[in-house]
Amino acid sequence: MGYGNSKRDHVSPITRRSPNTEIYCGPGVNNAGNNSNEGESGWYTFPVNFNSTCFALFCGLRNTDTNKPMNYDSEVQPRNWTTTKFNVYKQKFGSGDPWFANFIWWAIGR
C-alpha cells in the first residue's frame, strides 16, 4: 500500500494561549487503496509536521469511487501516528461488499 497525498497543504492554529501551548489542527483526504483488502495501511504523511505531539487523530471513510458507488460496508481506524505521519487499519464489517477508497482525517496536536 502506498503513501497518501493530502489535498490540504497546511496545519492551522485553532487556539493560542501562549507560544508554548498553541494547538494545531490538520484536516486532509487520503486514499486507502481503491480495493477491498482488509488490514493495516502504509504510512500517510501529514502535510506539515506537528512541533511536539499529535494527540488525536480522527478518520472517516467516504467512498467516492464511481466504479463501486454502493460499497460502504467498511471503516478506517487510526492505528499508529507520530508528529509526521500516520497509518490506519482498514476494517470490514458484516458480510457486505466492502470498498476502501478515499477517507477524510482530522489531526490535533502541538
C-alpha atoms as a PDB file:
ATOM      1  CA  MET A   1       0.000   0.000   0.000  1.00  0.00           C
ATOM      2  CA  GLY A   2       1.345   3.366  -0.923  1.00  0.00           C
ATOM      3  CA  TYR A   3       1.637   6.669   0.754  1.00  0.00           C
ATOM      4  CA  GLY A   4      -1.266   9.062   0.587  1.00  0.00           C
ATOM      5  CA  ASN A   5      -1.125  12.599  -0.660  1.00  0.00           C
ATOM      6  CA  SER A   6      -3.136  15.040   1.347  1.00  0.00           C
ATOM      7  CA  LYS A   7      -5.215  17.523  -0.589  1.00  0.00           C
ATOM      8  CA  ARG A   8      -4.678  20.069   2.220  1.00  0.00           C
ATOM      9  CA  ASP A   9      -1.388  21.902   2.353  1.00  0.00           C
ATOM     10  CA  HIS A  10      -1.376  23.393   5.831  1.00  0.00           C
ATOM     11  CA  VAL A  11      -1.931  22.775   9.509  1.00  0.00           C
ATOM     12  CA  SER A  12      -3.778  25.685  11.091  1.00  0.00           C
ATOM     13  CA  PRO A  13      -3.580  27.040  14.639  1.00  0.00           C
ATOM     14  CA  ILE A  14      -7.001  26.895  16.272  1.00  0.00           C
ATOM     15  CA  THR A  15      -6.206  28.189  19.765  1.00  0.00           C
ATOM     16  CA  ARG A  16      -3.479  30.422  21.116  1.00  0.00           C
ATOM     17  CA  ARG A  17      -2.967  30.755  24.860  1.00  0.00           C
ATOM     18  CA  SER A  18       0.787  31.261  24.840  1.00  0.00           C
ATOM     19  CA  PRO A  19       3.564  30.363  22.384  1.00  0.00           C
ATOM     20  CA  ASN A  20       4.194  27.059  24.207  1.00  0.00           C
ATOM     21  CA  THR A  21       0.594  25.842  24.166  1.00  0.00           C
ATOM     22  CA  GLU A  22      -0.532  26.627  20.638  1.00  0.00           C
ATOM     23  CA  ILE A  23      -2.890  23.937  19.369  1.00  0.00           C
ATOM     24  CA  TYR A  24      -2.903  22.983  15.691  1.00  0.00           C
ATOM     25  CA  CYS A  25      -5.407  21.008  13.669  1.00  0.00           C
ATOM     26  CA  GLY A  26      -4.878  19.495  10.279  1.00  0.00           C
ATOM     27  CA  PRO A  27      -7.624  18.176   8.011  1.00  0.00           C
ATOM     28  CA  GLY A  28      -6.960  16.084   4.935  1.00  0.00           C
ATOM     29  CA  VAL A  29      -8.068  13.468   2.431  1.00  0.00           C
ATOM     30  CA  ASN A  30      -6.097  10.341   1.571  1.00  0.00           C
ATOM     31  CA  ASN A  31      -6.724   7.186  -0.444  1.00  0.00           C
ATOM     32  CA  ALA A  32      -6.959   3.764   1.223  1.00  0.00           C
ATOM     33  CA  GLY A  33      -6.111   1.799  -1.913  1.00  0.00           C
ATOM     34  CA  ASN A  34      -9.298   1.535  -4.015  1.00  0.00           C
ATOM     35  CA  ASN A  35      -9.651  -2.123  -3.101  1.00  0.00           C
ATOM     36  CA  SER A  36     -11.470  -4.447  -0.690  1.00  0.00           C
ATOM     37  CA  ASN A  37      -8.340  -5.588   1.207  1.00  0.00           C
ATOM     38  CA  GLU A  38      -8.681  -5.518   4.979  1.00  0.00           C
ATOM     39  CA  GLY A  39      -5.566  -4.814   7.042  1.00  0.00           C
ATOM     40  CA  GLU A  40      -3.056  -2.212   8.100  1.00  0.00           C
ATOM     41  CA  SER A  41      -2.287   0.510   5.563  1.00  0.00           C
ATOM     42  CA  GLY A  42       1.016   2.017   4.576  1.00  0.00           C
ATOM     43  CA  TRP A  43       2.078   5.338   6.053  1.00  0.00           C
ATOM     44  CA  TYR A  44       0.495   8.678   5.163  1.00  0.00           C
ATOM     45  CA  THR A  45       2.408  11.882   5.859  1.00  0.00           C
ATOM     46  CA  PHE A  46       0.948  14.995   7.435  1.00  0.00           C
ATOM     47  CA  PRO A  47       1.323  17.953   5.054  1.00  0.00           C
ATOM     48  CA  VAL A  48       3.013  19.909   7.872  1.00  0.00           C
ATOM     49  CA  ASN A  49       4.717  18.279  10.860  1.00  0.00           C
ATOM     50  CA  PHE A  50       3.449  18.889  14.379  1.00  0.00           C
ATOM     51  CA  ASN A  51       6.099  20.540  16.572  1.00  0.00           C
ATOM     52  CA  SER A  52       5.926  18.233  19.610  1.00  0.00           C
ATOM     53  CA  THR A  53       2.935  15.872  19.575  1.00  0.00           C
ATOM     54  CA  CYS A  54      -0.153  14.741  17.710  1.00  0.00           C
ATOM     55  CA  PHE A  55      -2.579  13.717  20.446  1.00  0.00           C
ATOM     56  CA  ALA A  56      -5.759  12.991  18.479  1.00  0.00           C
ATOM     57  CA  LEU A  57      -6.458  11.568  15.033  1.00  0.00           C
ATOM     58  CA  PHE A  58      -9.949  11.013  13.651  1.00  0.00           C
ATOM     59  CA  CYS A  59     -10.741   9.247  10.359  1.00  0.00           C
ATOM     60  CA  GLY A  60     -13.877   8.637   8.316  1.00  0.00           C
ATOM     61  CA  LEU A  61     -14.326   6.681   5.106  1.00  0.00           C
ATOM     62  CA  ARG A  62     -16.036   8.273   2.145  1.00  0.00           C
ATOM     63  CA  ASN A  63     -16.421   6.187  -0.966  1.00  0.00           C
ATOM     64  CA  THR A  64     -16.027   8.474  -3.978  1.00  0.00           C
ATOM     65  CA  ASP A  65     -15.111   5.694  -6.398  1.00  0.00           C
ATOM     66  CA  THR A  66     -17.704   5.895  -9.188  1.00  0.00           C
ATOM     67  CA  ASN A  67     -16.944   2.289 -10.212  1.00  0.00           C
ATOM     68  CA  LYS A  68     -18.107   0.996  -6.782  1.00  0.00           C
ATOM     69  CA  PRO A  69     -20.694   3.569  -5.606  1.00  0.00           C
ATOM     70  CA  MET A  70     -22.718   1.186  -3.407  1.00  0.00           C
ATOM     71  CA  ASN A  71     -19.834  -0.422  -1.492  1.00  0.00           C
ATOM     72  CA  TYR A  72     -19.756   1.120   2.002  1.00  0.00           C
ATOM     73  CA  ASP A  73     -19.551  -1.780   4.451  1.00  0.00           C
ATOM     74  CA  SER A  74     -16.138  -0.822   5.794  1.00  0.00           C
ATOM     75  CA  GLU A  75     -14.247   1.629   8.029  1.00  0.00           C
ATOM     76  CA  VAL A  76     -10.747   3.031   8.504  1.00  0.00           C
ATOM     77  CA  GLN A  77      -9.486   3.278  12.074  1.00  0.00           C
ATOM     78  CA  PRO A  78      -6.459   5.320  13.215  1.00  0.00           C
ATOM     79  CA  ARG A  79      -3.737   2.787  14.051  1.00  0.00           C
ATOM     80  CA  ASN A  80      -0.379   4.497  14.688  1.00  0.00           C
ATOM     81  CA  TRP A  81       0.735   8.104  14.449  1.00  0.00           C
ATOM     82  CA  THR A  82       3.682  10.381  15.147  1.00  0.00           C
ATOM     83  CA  THR A  83       4.299  14.087  14.635  1.00  0.00           C
ATOM     84  CA  THR A  84       4.988  13.469  10.918  1.00  0.00           C
ATOM     85  CA  LYS A  85       2.888  10.509   9.728  1.00  0.00           C
ATOM     86  CA  PHE A  86       0.073   8.060  10.449  1.00  0.00           C
ATOM     87  CA  ASN A  87      -1.467   4.836   9.248  1.00  0.00           C
ATOM     88  CA  VAL A  88      -4.902   3.247   9.526  1.00  0.00           C
ATOM     89  CA  TYR A  89      -6.462  -0.187   9.868  1.00  0.00           C
ATOM     90  CA  LYS A  90      -8.909  -0.973   7.073  1.00  0.00           C
ATOM     91  CA  GLN A  91     -11.750  -2.900   8.747  1.00  0.00           C
ATOM     92  CA  LYS A  92     -14.525  -4.867   7.036  1.00  0.00           C
ATOM     93  CA  PHE A  93     -17.900  -5.056   8.765  1.00  0.00           C
ATOM     94  CA  GLY A  94     -20.525  -7.749   8.268  1.00  0.00           C
ATOM     95  CA  SER A  95     -20.949  -9.722   5.088  1.00  0.00           C
ATOM     96  CA  GLY A  96     -21.435  -6.743   2.781  1.00  0.00           C
ATOM     97  CA  ASP A  97     -19.283  -5.732  -0.136  1.00  0.00           C
ATOM     98  CA  PRO A  98     -16.537  -3.517   1.348  1.00  0.00           C
ATOM     99  CA  TRP A  99     -14.546  -0.963  -0.604  1.00  0.00           C
ATOM    100  CA  PHE A 100     -11.724   1.224   0.684  1.00  0.00           C
ATOM    101  CA  ALA A 101     -11.425   4.417  -1.341  1.00  0.00           C
ATOM    102  CA  ASN A 102     -10.820   7.979  -0.112  1.00  0.00           C
ATOM    103  CA  PHE A 103     -11.028   8.775   3.571  1.00  0.00           C
ATOM    104  CA  ILE A 104     -11.021  12.037   5.462  1.00  0.00           C
ATOM    105  CA  TRP A 105      -8.924  12.704   8.544  1.00  0.00           C
ATOM    106  CA  TRP A 106      -8.530  15.347  11.212  1.00  0.00           C
ATOM    107  CA  ALA A 107      -5.443  15.545  13.441  1.00  0.00           C
ATOM    108  CA  ILE A 108      -4.961  17.723  16.533  1.00  0.00           C
ATOM    109  CA  GLY A 109      -1.661  18.428  18.255  1.00  0.00           C
ATOM    110  CA  ARG A 110       1.089  20.878  19.167  1.00  0.00           C
END
